[in-house]
Protein backbone atom coordinates (compact mmCIF):
# COMPACT_ATOMS: atom_id res chain seq x y z
CA MET A 1 114.31 96.67 85.66
CA LYS A 2 117.48 95.02 86.90
CA VAL A 3 118.01 93.75 90.45
CA LEU A 4 121.59 93.10 91.55
CA LEU A 5 122.13 90.67 94.44
CA VAL A 6 125.55 91.10 96.04
CA GLY A 7 127.15 88.51 98.29
CA LEU A 8 130.53 87.34 99.40
CA GLU A 9 130.39 84.22 97.29
CA ARG A 10 127.82 82.76 94.90
CA VAL A 11 127.03 79.98 97.32
CA GLY A 12 124.91 79.72 100.41
CA LYS A 13 122.48 82.49 101.18
CA LEU A 14 123.02 84.40 97.93
CA PHE A 15 122.41 81.36 95.74
CA SER A 16 119.31 80.30 97.71
CA MET A 17 117.90 83.81 97.67
CA GLU A 18 118.48 84.23 93.94
CA SER A 19 116.74 80.94 93.15
CA LEU A 20 113.75 81.63 95.41
CA PHE A 21 113.38 85.22 94.20
CA LYS A 22 113.42 84.18 90.53
CA LYS A 23 110.74 81.60 91.32
CA LYS A 24 108.57 84.25 93.00
CA LEU A 25 109.06 86.61 90.04
CA THR A 26 107.92 83.85 87.67
CA GLU A 27 104.88 83.09 89.83
CA ALA A 28 104.00 86.81 89.85
CA ASP A 29 104.48 86.97 86.05
CA MET A 30 107.04 89.76 86.40
CA THR A 31 109.06 88.95 83.29
CA ASP A 32 110.40 92.49 82.96
CA VAL A 33 112.64 92.09 86.05
CA GLU A 34 116.13 90.73 85.48
CA VAL A 35 118.04 89.29 88.45
CA VAL A 36 121.83 89.14 88.43
CA THR A 37 124.34 88.27 91.14
CA ALA A 38 127.81 89.54 91.90
CA GLU A 39 130.50 88.78 94.42
CA MET A 40 132.15 91.56 96.35
CA THR A 41 135.47 90.40 94.88
CA GLU A 42 134.22 91.28 91.39
CA PHE A 43 134.12 94.95 92.35
CA GLY A 44 137.77 95.06 93.39
CA SER A 45 139.64 95.26 96.66
CA PRO A 46 138.13 97.37 99.44
CA GLY A 47 139.49 100.88 99.32
CA GLY A 48 140.70 100.58 95.75
CA ARG A 49 139.76 102.83 92.86
CA LYS A 50 138.51 99.78 90.97
CA LEU A 51 135.77 99.31 93.59
CA GLU A 52 134.64 102.92 93.22
CA ARG A 53 134.67 102.79 89.42
CA SER A 54 132.98 99.36 89.25
CA MET A 55 130.20 100.25 91.67
CA ASN A 56 129.42 103.55 89.98
CA GLU A 57 129.32 101.84 86.56
CA VAL A 58 126.99 99.13 87.82
CA LEU A 59 124.62 101.64 89.37
CA ARG A 60 124.73 104.07 86.47
CA ASP A 61 124.40 101.52 83.69
CA GLU A 62 122.81 98.42 85.10
CA ALA A 63 121.21 98.03 88.50
CA ASP A 64 117.99 99.73 89.52
CA PHE A 65 117.93 97.95 92.88
CA VAL A 66 120.89 96.45 94.79
CA VAL A 67 120.43 93.92 97.59
CA VAL A 68 123.41 93.07 99.80
CA MET A 69 123.54 90.13 102.21
CA GLU A 70 125.71 91.62 104.97
CA PRO A 71 125.76 95.05 106.69
CA TRP A 72 129.48 95.54 106.06
CA GLN A 73 128.86 95.16 102.32
CA LYS A 74 126.36 98.02 102.37
CA ASP A 75 128.75 100.17 104.42
CA LEU A 76 131.63 99.46 102.07
CA LEU A 77 129.69 100.00 98.86
CA THR A 78 128.14 103.28 100.01
CA ARG A 79 131.64 104.64 100.64
CA PHE A 80 132.43 104.30 96.96
CA MET A 81 129.10 105.10 95.33
CA ASP A 82 127.76 108.37 94.15
CA TYR A 83 125.47 109.73 96.88
CA ARG A 84 122.59 110.00 94.38
CA ASN A 85 122.54 106.18 94.17
CA TRP A 86 122.43 105.36 97.88
CA HIS A 87 118.67 104.80 97.70
CA LYS A 88 119.28 101.83 95.40
CA ILE A 89 121.17 99.72 97.95
CA HIS A 90 119.28 97.63 100.52
CA LEU A 91 120.26 95.12 103.18
CA PHE A 92 118.44 91.81 102.75
CA ALA A 93 117.95 91.42 106.52
CA ASP A 94 116.07 94.74 106.59
CA ILE A 95 113.84 93.60 103.73
CA CYS A 96 113.08 90.37 105.62
CA LYS A 97 111.79 92.30 108.64
CA ARG A 98 109.33 94.52 106.76
CA LYS A 99 105.92 93.39 107.89
CA SER A 100 102.68 95.12 108.67
CA LYS A 101 101.51 94.96 112.28
CA ALA A 102 98.70 92.61 111.25
CA ASP A 103 101.29 90.08 110.06
CA MET A 104 103.25 90.16 113.30
CA PRO A 105 102.54 87.49 115.94
CA SER A 106 100.46 88.65 118.89
CA CYS A 107 103.09 87.49 121.37
CA ASP A 108 106.32 89.34 120.70
CA VAL A 109 108.15 86.37 119.17
CA ASP A 110 111.84 86.89 118.60
CA PHE A 111 112.91 86.66 114.95
CA GLY A 112 115.73 84.41 116.14
CA TYR A 113 113.28 81.54 116.38
CA ARG A 114 112.46 81.65 112.70
CA ASN A 115 114.35 79.31 110.46
CA GLY A 116 116.42 80.46 107.49
CA ASN A 117 113.78 79.27 105.04
CA GLU A 118 111.08 81.47 106.61
CA GLU A 119 113.40 84.46 106.64
CA MET A 120 114.39 83.92 103.00
CA ASN A 121 110.75 83.49 101.98
CA ASP A 122 109.70 86.66 103.83
CA GLY A 123 112.57 88.61 102.31
CA CYS A 124 111.82 87.50 98.76
CA ARG A 125 108.10 88.21 99.19
CA ASN A 126 108.83 91.68 100.62
CA LEU A 127 111.36 92.39 97.87
CA LEU A 128 108.80 91.38 95.26
CA GLU A 129 106.18 93.71 96.78
CA GLY A 130 108.71 96.54 96.91
CA LEU A 131 109.58 96.06 93.24
CA LYS A 132 105.90 96.05 92.29
CA MET A 133 105.46 99.41 94.04
CA LEU A 134 108.58 100.79 92.37
CA LEU A 135 107.37 99.68 88.93
CA ARG A 136 103.92 101.19 89.52
CA LYS A 137 105.54 104.47 90.56
CA ARG A 138 107.72 104.47 87.44
CA GLU A 139 104.70 103.80 85.23
CA SER A 140 102.69 106.59 86.83
CA ASP A 141 105.64 108.99 86.57
CA SER A 142 106.16 108.20 82.89
CA SER A 143 102.44 108.42 82.09
CA GLY A 144 102.32 111.78 83.88
CA LEU A 145 105.15 113.04 81.68
CA ALA A 146 103.34 111.85 78.56
CA MET A 147 100.31 113.95 79.48
CA VAL A 148 102.33 117.16 79.76
């Protein structure tokens, strides 16, 4: 499985997230997951045919799961991707917020009070859990086909 992390530059949030996520994958012994990063500029200028071609190639040939750092990146990329691949693209901020009710504080604490490290940690942990579920689903789907 290949996870593509897309940011504006390979510094800051993208670099920190990549490093932390790779560490969590190693701790979970998930060696079959490859993590790669890309800058938006690598796909071409917004609105250009290069962006459409590049994104469709990445999704068709490479990435099983795409994580973008900013909402505008998701909006832009979905404009140029094949509709069948929209389920592959996820906003990191949405992944950070996925928590069960038991994990939420009893007093309705605003997420704004969390520091960037906590948010990054939550996001990487939630992303890891999501990938585990996706891999289990793939394994059960392929084993079901083998039985037919």
